[in-house]
């Protein structure tokens, strides 16, 4: 994470075990807060988080995951990406 400059939200996602996905912050600009929305009725806060998509049935499915970041000097910024989860 780079300090200074405008906050620009970004993240990566890596499947770690079935329906568990690791989300890693890739935001630039030095944010001070993070809010994750997993498109399944749950959310989390933190720089990088793991999330289990427990309500999924077998096969490949997708969710629209959103990261909202902010600092004290700029409005919140968001990044949304489609995450594909294989629970077969």
PDB file of N, CA and C in Angstrom:
ATOM      1  N   UNK A   1       0.847  -1.165   0.000  1.00  0.00           N
ATOM      2  CA  UNK A   1       0.000   0.000   0.000  1.00  0.00           C
ATOM      3  C   UNK A   1       0.901   1.239   0.000  1.00  0.00           C
ATOM      4  N   UNK A   2       0.679   2.124  -0.917  1.00  0.00           N
ATOM      5  CA  UNK A   2       1.488   3.336  -1.022  1.00  0.00           C
ATOM      6  C   UNK A   2       0.869   4.461  -0.213  1.00  0.00           C
ATOM      7  N   UNK A   3       1.690   5.219   0.472  1.00  0.00           N
ATOM      8  CA  UNK A   3       1.195   6.346   1.261  1.00  0.00           C
ATOM      9  C   UNK A   3       1.177   7.598   0.404  1.00  0.00           C
ATOM     10  N   UNK A   4       0.264   8.502   0.707  1.00  0.00           N
ATOM     11  CA  UNK A   4       0.168   9.760  -0.002  1.00  0.00           C
ATOM     12  C   UNK A   4      -0.647   9.650  -1.264  1.00  0.00           C
ATOM     13  N   UNK A   5      -1.055  10.773  -1.808  1.00  0.00           N
ATOM     14  CA  UNK A   5      -1.862  10.785  -3.022  1.00  0.00           C
ATOM     15  C   UNK A   5      -3.302  10.415  -2.735  1.00  0.00           C
ATOM     16  N   UNK A   6      -4.131  10.475  -3.764  1.00  0.00           N
ATOM     17  CA  UNK A   6      -5.544  10.147  -3.566  1.00  0.00           C
ATOM     18  C   UNK A   6      -5.730   8.651  -3.283  1.00  0.00           C
ATOM     19  N   UNK A   7      -6.751   8.345  -2.514  1.00  0.00           N
ATOM     20  CA  UNK A   7      -7.076   6.950  -2.223  1.00  0.00           C
ATOM     21  C   UNK A   7      -7.775   6.354  -3.440  1.00  0.00           C
ATOM     22  N   UNK A   8      -7.253   5.235  -3.930  1.00  0.00           N
ATOM     23  CA  UNK A   8      -7.854   4.499  -5.039  1.00  0.00           C
ATOM     24  C   UNK A   8      -8.024   3.054  -4.586  1.00  0.00           C
ATOM     25  N   UNK A   9      -9.287   2.630  -4.468  1.00  0.00           N
ATOM     26  CA  UNK A   9      -9.590   1.301  -3.953  1.00  0.00           C
ATOM     27  C   UNK A   9      -9.168   0.214  -4.924  1.00  0.00           C
ATOM     28  N   UNK A  10      -8.715  -0.904  -4.374  1.00  0.00           N
ATOM     29  CA  UNK A  10      -8.368  -2.065  -5.168  1.00  0.00           C
ATOM     30  C   UNK A  10      -8.139  -3.267  -4.280  1.00  0.00           C
ATOM     31  N   UNK A  11      -8.365  -4.468  -4.841  1.00  0.00           N
ATOM     32  CA  UNK A  11      -8.108  -5.680  -4.071  1.00  0.00           C
ATOM     33  C   UNK A  11      -7.886  -6.858  -5.010  1.00  0.00           C
ATOM     34  N   UNK A  12      -7.329  -7.931  -4.437  1.00  0.00           N
ATOM     35  CA  UNK A  12      -7.200  -9.195  -5.126  1.00  0.00           C
ATOM     36  C   UNK A  12      -7.919 -10.252  -4.305  1.00  0.00           C
ATOM     37  N   UNK A  13      -8.307 -11.333  -4.966  1.00  0.00           N
ATOM     38  CA  UNK A  13      -8.995 -12.427  -4.285  1.00  0.00           C
ATOM     39  C   UNK A  13      -8.351 -13.738  -4.694  1.00  0.00           C
ATOM     40  N   UNK A  14      -8.140 -14.603  -3.694  1.00  0.00           N
ATOM     41  CA  UNK A  14      -7.541 -15.906  -3.938  1.00  0.00           C
ATOM     42  C   UNK A  14      -8.331 -16.960  -3.172  1.00  0.00           C
ATOM     43  N   UNK A  15      -8.791 -17.981  -3.878  1.00  0.00           N
ATOM     44  CA  UNK A  15      -9.486 -19.080  -3.207  1.00  0.00           C
ATOM     45  C   UNK A  15      -8.493 -19.851  -2.364  1.00  0.00           C
ATOM     46  N   UNK A  16      -8.870 -20.137  -1.120  1.00  0.00           N
ATOM     47  CA  UNK A  16      -7.946 -20.864  -0.260  1.00  0.00           C
ATOM     48  C   UNK A  16      -8.441 -22.266   0.064  1.00  0.00           C
ATOM     49  N   UNK A  17      -9.765 -22.498   0.057  1.00  0.00           N
ATOM     50  CA  UNK A  17     -10.286 -23.829   0.372  1.00  0.00           C
ATOM     51  C   UNK A  17     -11.774 -23.858   0.083  1.00  0.00           C
ATOM     52  N   UNK A  18     -12.174 -24.379  -1.068  1.00  0.00           N
ATOM     53  CA  UNK A  18     -13.595 -24.478  -1.389  1.00  0.00           C
ATOM     54  C   UNK A  18     -14.255 -23.123  -1.421  1.00  0.00           C
ATOM     55  N   UNK A  19     -15.173 -22.900  -0.465  1.00  0.00           N
ATOM     56  CA  UNK A  19     -15.887 -21.639  -0.451  1.00  0.00           C
ATOM     57  C   UNK A  19     -15.186 -20.523   0.312  1.00  0.00           C
ATOM     58  N   UNK A  20     -13.984 -20.765   0.850  1.00  0.00           N
ATOM     59  CA  UNK A  20     -13.226 -19.737   1.572  1.00  0.00           C
ATOM     60  C   UNK A  20     -12.330 -18.978   0.586  1.00  0.00           C
ATOM     61  N   UNK A  21     -12.458 -17.660   0.604  1.00  0.00           N
ATOM     62  CA  UNK A  21     -11.674 -16.802  -0.286  1.00  0.00           C
ATOM     63  C   UNK A  21     -10.908 -15.791   0.560  1.00  0.00           C
ATOM     64  N   UNK A  22      -9.638 -15.586   0.247  1.00  0.00           N
ATOM     65  CA  UNK A  22      -8.799 -14.586   0.907  1.00  0.00           C
ATOM     66  C   UNK A  22      -8.837 -13.314   0.067  1.00  0.00           C
ATOM     67  N   UNK A  23      -9.224 -12.199   0.664  1.00  0.00           N
ATOM     68  CA  UNK A  23      -9.260 -10.905  -0.005  1.00  0.00           C
ATOM     69  C   UNK A  23      -8.118 -10.050   0.528  1.00  0.00           C
ATOM     70  N   UNK A  24      -7.271  -9.567  -0.381  1.00  0.00           N
ATOM     71  CA  UNK A  24      -6.105  -8.775  -0.006  1.00  0.00           C
ATOM     72  C   UNK A  24      -6.250  -7.362  -0.543  1.00  0.00           C
ATOM     73  N   UNK A  25      -6.106  -6.389   0.329  1.00  0.00           N
ATOM     74  CA  UNK A  25      -6.192  -4.987  -0.061  1.00  0.00           C
ATOM     75  C   UNK A  25      -5.048  -4.626  -1.006  1.00  0.00           C
ATOM     76  N   UNK A  26      -5.370  -3.928  -2.082  1.00  0.00           N
ATOM     77  CA  UNK A  26      -4.365  -3.417  -3.025  1.00  0.00           C
ATOM     78  C   UNK A  26      -4.587  -1.929  -3.256  1.00  0.00           C
ATOM     79  N   UNK A  27      -5.198  -1.272  -2.278  1.00  0.00           N
ATOM     80  CA  UNK A  27      -5.526   0.142  -2.366  1.00  0.00           C
ATOM     81  C   UNK A  27      -4.269   0.995  -2.311  1.00  0.00           C
ATOM     82  N   UNK A  28      -4.250   2.067  -3.076  1.00  0.00           N
ATOM     83  CA  UNK A  28      -3.152   3.025  -3.011  1.00  0.00           C
ATOM     84  C   UNK A  28      -3.633   4.286  -2.302  1.00  0.00           C
ATOM     85  N   UNK A  29      -2.707   5.071  -1.801  1.00  0.00           N
ATOM     86  CA  UNK A  29      -3.035   6.356  -1.208  1.00  0.00           C
ATOM     87  C   UNK A  29      -3.165   6.385   0.299  1.00  0.00           C
ATOM     88  N   UNK A  30      -2.954   5.275   0.985  1.00  0.00           N
ATOM     89  CA  UNK A  30      -2.944   5.286   2.443  1.00  0.00           C
ATOM     90  C   UNK A  30      -4.298   5.386   3.113  1.00  0.00           C
ATOM     91  N   UNK A  31      -5.251   4.491   2.808  1.00  0.00           N
ATOM     92  CA  UNK A  31      -6.552   4.546   3.478  1.00  0.00           C
ATOM     93  C   UNK A  31      -6.422   4.238   4.968  1.00  0.00           C
ATOM     94  N   UNK A  32      -7.411   4.671   5.728  1.00  0.00           N
ATOM     95  CA  UNK A  32      -7.431   4.408   7.168  1.00  0.00           C
ATOM     96  C   UNK A  32      -8.600   3.536   7.591  1.00  0.00           C
ATOM     97  N   UNK A  33      -9.528   3.249   6.661  1.00  0.00           N
ATOM     98  CA  UNK A  33     -10.630   2.334   6.980  1.00  0.00           C
ATOM     99  C   UNK A  33     -10.998   1.523   5.745  1.00  0.00           C
ATOM    100  N   UNK A  34     -11.459   0.294   6.013  1.00  0.00           N
ATOM    101  CA  UNK A  34     -11.823  -0.654   4.971  1.00  0.00           C
ATOM    102  C   UNK A  34     -13.156  -1.265   5.326  1.00  0.00           C
ATOM    103  N   UNK A  35     -14.054  -1.392   4.350  1.00  0.00           N
ATOM    104  CA  UNK A  35     -15.336  -2.062   4.552  1.00  0.00           C
ATOM    105  C   UNK A  35     -15.596  -2.968   3.357  1.00  0.00           C
ATOM    106  N   UNK A  36     -15.752  -4.253   3.617  1.00  0.00           N
ATOM    107  CA  UNK A  36     -15.977  -5.260   2.582  1.00  0.00           C
ATOM    108  C   UNK A  36     -17.441  -5.671   2.580  1.00  0.00           C
ATOM    109  N   UNK A  37     -18.046  -5.794   1.393  1.00  0.00           N
ATOM    110  CA  UNK A  37     -19.404  -6.314   1.221  1.00  0.00           C
ATOM    111  C   UNK A  37     -19.284  -7.532   0.310  1.00  0.00           C
ATOM    112  N   UNK A  38     -19.747  -8.702   0.800  1.00  0.00           N
ATOM    113  CA  UNK A  38     -19.531  -9.955   0.093  1.00  0.00           C
ATOM    114  C   UNK A  38     -20.713 -10.407  -0.764  1.00  0.00           C
ATOM    115  N   UNK A  39     -21.739  -9.594  -0.912  1.00  0.00           N
ATOM    116  CA  UNK A  39     -22.877  -9.898  -1.782  1.00  0.00           C
ATOM    117  C   UNK A  39     -23.647 -11.135  -1.324  1.00  0.00           C
ATOM    118  N   UNK A  40     -23.541 -11.441  -0.025  1.00  0.00           N
ATOM    119  CA  UNK A  40     -24.305 -12.569   0.516  1.00  0.00           C
ATOM    120  C   UNK A  40     -24.965 -12.187   1.839  1.00  0.00           C
ATOM    121  N   UNK A  41     -25.109 -10.875   2.069  1.00  0.00           N
ATOM    122  CA  UNK A  41     -25.728 -10.398   3.300  1.00  0.00           C
ATOM    123  C   UNK A  41     -24.749 -10.198   4.437  1.00  0.00           C
ATOM    124  N   UNK A  42     -23.466 -10.421   4.192  1.00  0.00           N
ATOM    125  CA  UNK A  42     -22.468 -10.235   5.241  1.00  0.00           C
ATOM    126  C   UNK A  42     -21.421  -9.221   4.799  1.00  0.00           C
ATOM    127  N   UNK A  43     -20.713  -8.696   5.785  1.00  0.00           N
ATOM    128  CA  UNK A  43     -19.650  -7.726   5.518  1.00  0.00           C
ATOM    129  C   UNK A  43     -18.549  -7.929   6.551  1.00  0.00           C
ATOM    130  N   UNK A  44     -17.447  -7.224   6.357  1.00  0.00           N
ATOM    131  CA  UNK A  44     -16.321  -7.303   7.280  1.00  0.00           C
ATOM    132  C   UNK A  44     -15.523  -6.018   7.140  1.00  0.00           C
ATOM    133  N   UNK A  45     -14.657  -5.762   8.090  1.00  0.00           N
ATOM    134  CA  UNK A  45     -13.756  -4.614   7.996  1.00  0.00           C
ATOM    135  C   UNK A  45     -12.351  -5.125   8.277  1.00  0.00           C
ATOM    136  N   UNK A  46     -11.400  -4.443   7.730  1.00  0.00           N
ATOM    137  CA  UNK A  46     -10.010  -4.837   7.933  1.00  0.00           C
ATOM    138  C   UNK A  46      -9.246  -4.742   6.640  1.00  0.00           C
ATOM    139  N   UNK A  47      -7.958  -4.634   6.778  1.00  0.00           N
ATOM    140  CA  UNK A  47      -7.061  -4.486   5.635  1.00  0.00           C
ATOM    141  C   UNK A  47      -7.190  -5.655   4.664  1.00  0.00           C
ATOM    142  N   UNK A  48      -7.077  -6.857   5.143  1.00  0.00           N
ATOM    143  CA  UNK A  48      -7.224  -8.065   4.347  1.00  0.00           C
ATOM    144  C   UNK A  48      -8.009  -9.075   5.169  1.00  0.00           C
ATOM    145  N   UNK A  49      -8.949  -9.758   4.531  1.00  0.00           N
ATOM    146  CA  UNK A  49      -9.857 -10.645   5.259  1.00  0.00           C
ATOM    147  C   UNK A  49     -10.069 -11.946   4.492  1.00  0.00           C
ATOM    148  N   UNK A  50     -10.508 -12.973   5.221  1.00  0.00           N
ATOM    149  CA  UNK A  50     -10.964 -14.220   4.616  1.00  0.00           C
ATOM    150  C   UNK A  50     -12.474 -14.273   4.772  1.00  0.00           C
ATOM    151  N   UNK A  51     -13.138 -14.869   3.773  1.00  0.00           N
ATOM    152  CA  UNK A  51     -14.590 -14.993   3.857  1.00  0.00           C
ATOM    153  C   UNK A  51     -15.013 -16.349   3.330  1.00  0.00           C
ATOM    154  N   UNK A  52     -15.907 -17.013   4.065  1.00  0.00           N
ATOM    155  CA  UNK A  52     -16.468 -18.291   3.644  1.00  0.00           C
ATOM    156  C   UNK A  52     -17.857 -18.052   3.066  1.00  0.00           C
ATOM    157  N   UNK A  53     -18.041 -18.426   1.815  1.00  0.00           N
ATOM    158  CA  UNK A  53     -19.337 -18.305   1.147  1.00  0.00           C
ATOM    159  C   UNK A  53     -20.099 -19.600   1.412  1.00  0.00           C
ATOM    160  N   UNK A  54     -20.695 -19.714   2.600  1.00  0.00           N
ATOM    161  CA  UNK A  54     -21.274 -20.967   3.075  1.00  0.00           C
ATOM    162  C   UNK A  54     -22.610 -21.312   2.446  1.00  0.00           C
ATOM    163  N   UNK A  55     -23.328 -20.351   1.900  1.00  0.00           N
ATOM    164  CA  UNK A  55     -24.664 -20.627   1.385  1.00  0.00           C
ATOM    165  C   UNK A  55     -24.652 -21.102  -0.061  1.00  0.00           C
ATOM    166  N   UNK A  56     -23.493 -21.416  -0.601  1.00  0.00           N
ATOM    167  CA  UNK A  56     -23.390 -21.806  -2.002  1.00  0.00           C
ATOM    168  C   UNK A  56     -23.631 -23.296  -2.175  1.00  0.00           C
ATOM    169  N   UNK A  57     -24.257 -23.661  -3.293  1.00  0.00           N
ATOM    170  CA  UNK A  57     -24.385 -25.076  -3.646  1.00  0.00           C
ATOM    171  C   UNK A  57     -23.209 -25.451  -4.536  1.00  0.00           C
ATOM    172  N   UNK A  58     -23.125 -26.713  -4.914  1.00  0.00           N
ATOM    173  CA  UNK A  58     -22.002 -27.188  -5.720  1.00  0.00           C
ATOM    174  C   UNK A  58     -21.887 -26.486  -7.061  1.00  0.00           C
ATOM    175  N   UNK A  59     -20.695 -26.580  -7.634  1.00  0.00           N
ATOM    176  CA  UNK A  59     -20.431 -25.965  -8.923  1.00  0.00           C
ATOM    177  C   UNK A  59     -19.773 -24.608  -8.778  1.00  0.00           C
ATOM    178  N   UNK A  60     -19.738 -23.878  -9.874  1.00  0.00           N
ATOM    179  CA  UNK A  60     -19.120 -22.555  -9.891  1.00  0.00           C
ATOM    180  C   UNK A  60     -20.222 -21.503  -9.803  1.00  0.00           C
ATOM    181  N   UNK A  61     -20.051 -20.557  -8.925  1.00  0.00           N
ATOM    182  CA  UNK A  61     -20.994 -19.450  -8.786  1.00  0.00           C
ATOM    183  C   UNK A  61     -20.191 -18.166  -8.645  1.00  0.00           C
ATOM    184  N   UNK A  62     -20.880 -17.042  -8.686  1.00  0.00           N
ATOM    185  CA  UNK A  62     -20.168 -15.764  -8.584  1.00  0.00           C
ATOM    186  C   UNK A  62     -20.847 -14.846  -7.584  1.00  0.00           C
ATOM    187  N   UNK A  63     -20.073 -13.904  -7.061  1.00  0.00           N
ATOM    188  CA  UNK A  63     -20.565 -12.860  -6.167  1.00  0.00           C
ATOM    189  C   UNK A  63     -19.903 -11.547  -6.568  1.00  0.00           C
ATOM    190  N   UNK A  64     -20.636 -10.450  -6.398  1.00  0.00           N
ATOM    191  CA  UNK A  64     -20.102  -9.106  -6.626  1.00  0.00           C
ATOM    192  C   UNK A  64     -19.557  -8.605  -5.288  1.00  0.00           C
ATOM    193  N   UNK A  65     -18.261  -8.634  -5.113  1.00  0.00           N
ATOM    194  CA  UNK A  65     -17.625  -8.218  -3.860  1.00  0.00           C
ATOM    195  C   UNK A  65     -17.177  -6.768  -4.003  1.00  0.00           C
ATOM    196  N   UNK A  66     -17.490  -5.967  -2.979  1.00  0.00           N
ATOM    197  CA  UNK A  66     -17.144  -4.547  -2.992  1.00  0.00           C
ATOM    198  C   UNK A  66     -16.262  -4.210  -1.804  1.00  0.00           C
ATOM    199  N   UNK A  67     -15.212  -3.453  -2.079  1.00  0.00           N
ATOM    200  CA  UNK A  67     -14.358  -2.889  -1.033  1.00  0.00           C
ATOM    201  C   UNK A  67     -14.544  -1.379  -1.051  1.00  0.00           C
ATOM    202  N   UNK A  68     -14.910  -0.801   0.094  1.00  0.00           N
ATOM    203  CA  UNK A  68     -14.992   0.648   0.237  1.00  0.00           C
ATOM    204  C   UNK A  68     -13.892   1.073   1.199  1.00  0.00           C
ATOM    205  N   UNK A  69     -13.059   2.022   0.757  1.00  0.00           N
ATOM    206  CA  UNK A  69     -11.956   2.515   1.576  1.00  0.00           C
ATOM    207  C   UNK A  69     -12.068   4.024   1.720  1.00  0.00           C
ATOM    208  N   UNK A  70     -11.496   4.543   2.793  1.00  0.00           N
ATOM    209  CA  UNK A  70     -11.490   5.995   2.981  1.00  0.00           C
ATOM    210  C   UNK A  70     -10.336   6.393   3.881  1.00  0.00           C
ATOM    211  N   UNK A  71     -10.048   7.678   3.860  1.00  0.00           N
ATOM    212  CA  UNK A  71      -9.124   8.278   4.817  1.00  0.00           C
ATOM    213  C   UNK A  71      -9.797   9.543   5.328  1.00  0.00           C
ATOM    214  N   UNK A  72      -9.120  10.274   6.164  1.00  0.00           N
ATOM    215  CA  UNK A  72      -9.760  11.445   6.783  1.00  0.00           C
ATOM    216  C   UNK A  72      -9.933  12.613   5.825  1.00  0.00           C
ATOM    217  N   UNK A  73      -9.263  12.588   4.654  1.00  0.00           N
ATOM    218  CA  UNK A  73      -9.296  13.757   3.792  1.00  0.00           C
ATOM    219  C   UNK A  73     -10.062  13.623   2.497  1.00  0.00           C
ATOM    220  N   UNK A  74     -10.580  12.426   2.176  1.00  0.00           N
ATOM    221  CA  UNK A  74     -11.267  12.248   0.903  1.00  0.00           C
ATOM    222  C   UNK A  74     -12.549  11.452   1.093  1.00  0.00           C
ATOM    223  N   UNK A  75     -13.488  11.595   0.164  1.00  0.00           N
ATOM    224  CA  UNK A  75     -14.704  10.772   0.233  1.00  0.00           C
ATOM    225  C   UNK A  75     -14.362   9.291   0.053  1.00  0.00           C
ATOM    226  N   UNK A  76     -15.216   8.395   0.526  1.00  0.00           N
ATOM    227  CA  UNK A  76     -14.971   6.960   0.344  1.00  0.00           C
ATOM    228  C   UNK A  76     -14.852   6.601  -1.139  1.00  0.00           C
ATOM    229  N   UNK A  77     -13.979   5.651  -1.426  1.00  0.00           N
ATOM    230  CA  UNK A  77     -13.773   5.144  -2.779  1.00  0.00           C
ATOM    231  C   UNK A  77     -14.117   3.656  -2.778  1.00  0.00           C
ATOM    232  N   UNK A  78     -14.691   3.161  -3.873  1.00  0.00           N
ATOM    233  CA  UNK A  78     -15.069   1.751  -3.929  1.00  0.00           C
ATOM    234  C   UNK A  78     -14.468   1.054  -5.145  1.00  0.00           C
ATOM    235  N   UNK A  79     -14.306  -0.236  -4.989  1.00  0.00           N
ATOM    236  CA  UNK A  79     -13.917  -1.133  -6.076  1.00  0.00           C
ATOM    237  C   UNK A  79     -14.822  -2.354  -5.955  1.00  0.00           C
ATOM    238  N   UNK A  80     -15.485  -2.724  -7.056  1.00  0.00           N
ATOM    239  CA  UNK A  80     -16.336  -3.903  -7.082  1.00  0.00           C
ATOM    240  C   UNK A  80     -15.820  -4.843  -8.157  1.00  0.00           C
ATOM    241  N   UNK A  81     -15.759  -6.133  -7.820  1.00  0.00           N
ATOM    242  CA  UNK A  81     -15.296  -7.127  -8.776  1.00  0.00           C
ATOM    243  C   UNK A  81     -16.131  -8.390  -8.623  1.00  0.00           C
ATOM    244  N   UNK A  82     -16.324  -9.079  -9.722  1.00  0.00           N
ATOM    245  CA  UNK A  82     -16.995 -10.371  -9.694  1.00  0.00           C
ATOM    246  C   UNK A  82     -15.977 -11.424  -9.280  1.00  0.00           C
ATOM    247  N   UNK A  83     -16.328 -12.183  -8.242  1.00  0.00           N
ATOM    248  CA  UNK A  83     -15.467 -13.238  -7.744  1.00  0.00           C
ATOM    249  C   UNK A  83     -16.170 -14.558  -8.049  1.00  0.00           C
ATOM    250  N   UNK A  84     -15.469 -15.470  -8.710  1.00  0.00           N
ATOM    251  CA  UNK A  84     -16.020 -16.782  -9.039  1.00  0.00           C
ATOM    252  C   UNK A  84     -15.527 -17.790  -8.019  1.00  0.00           C
ATOM    253  N   UNK A  85     -16.461 -18.568  -7.463  1.00  0.00           N
ATOM    254  CA  UNK A  85     -16.141 -19.533  -6.414  1.00  0.00           C
ATOM    255  C   UNK A  85     -16.552 -20.918  -6.907  1.00  0.00           C
ATOM    256  N   UNK A  86     -15.626 -21.874  -6.858  1.00  0.00           N
ATOM    257  CA  UNK A  86     -15.902 -23.247  -7.285  1.00  0.00           C
ATOM    258  C   UNK A  86     -16.042 -24.106  -6.032  1.00  0.00           C
ATOM    259  N   UNK A  87     -17.253 -24.590  -5.772  1.00  0.00           N
ATOM    260  CA  UNK A  87     -17.490 -25.407  -4.579  1.00  0.00           C
ATOM    261  C   UNK A  87     -17.848 -26.840  -4.974  1.00  0.00           C
ATOM    262  N   UNK A  88     -17.330 -27.282  -6.114  1.00  0.00           N
ATOM    263  CA  UNK A  88     -17.621 -28.646  -6.545  1.00  0.00           C
ATOM    264  C   UNK A  88     -16.756 -29.654  -5.822  1.00  0.00           C
TER     265      UNK A  88
END
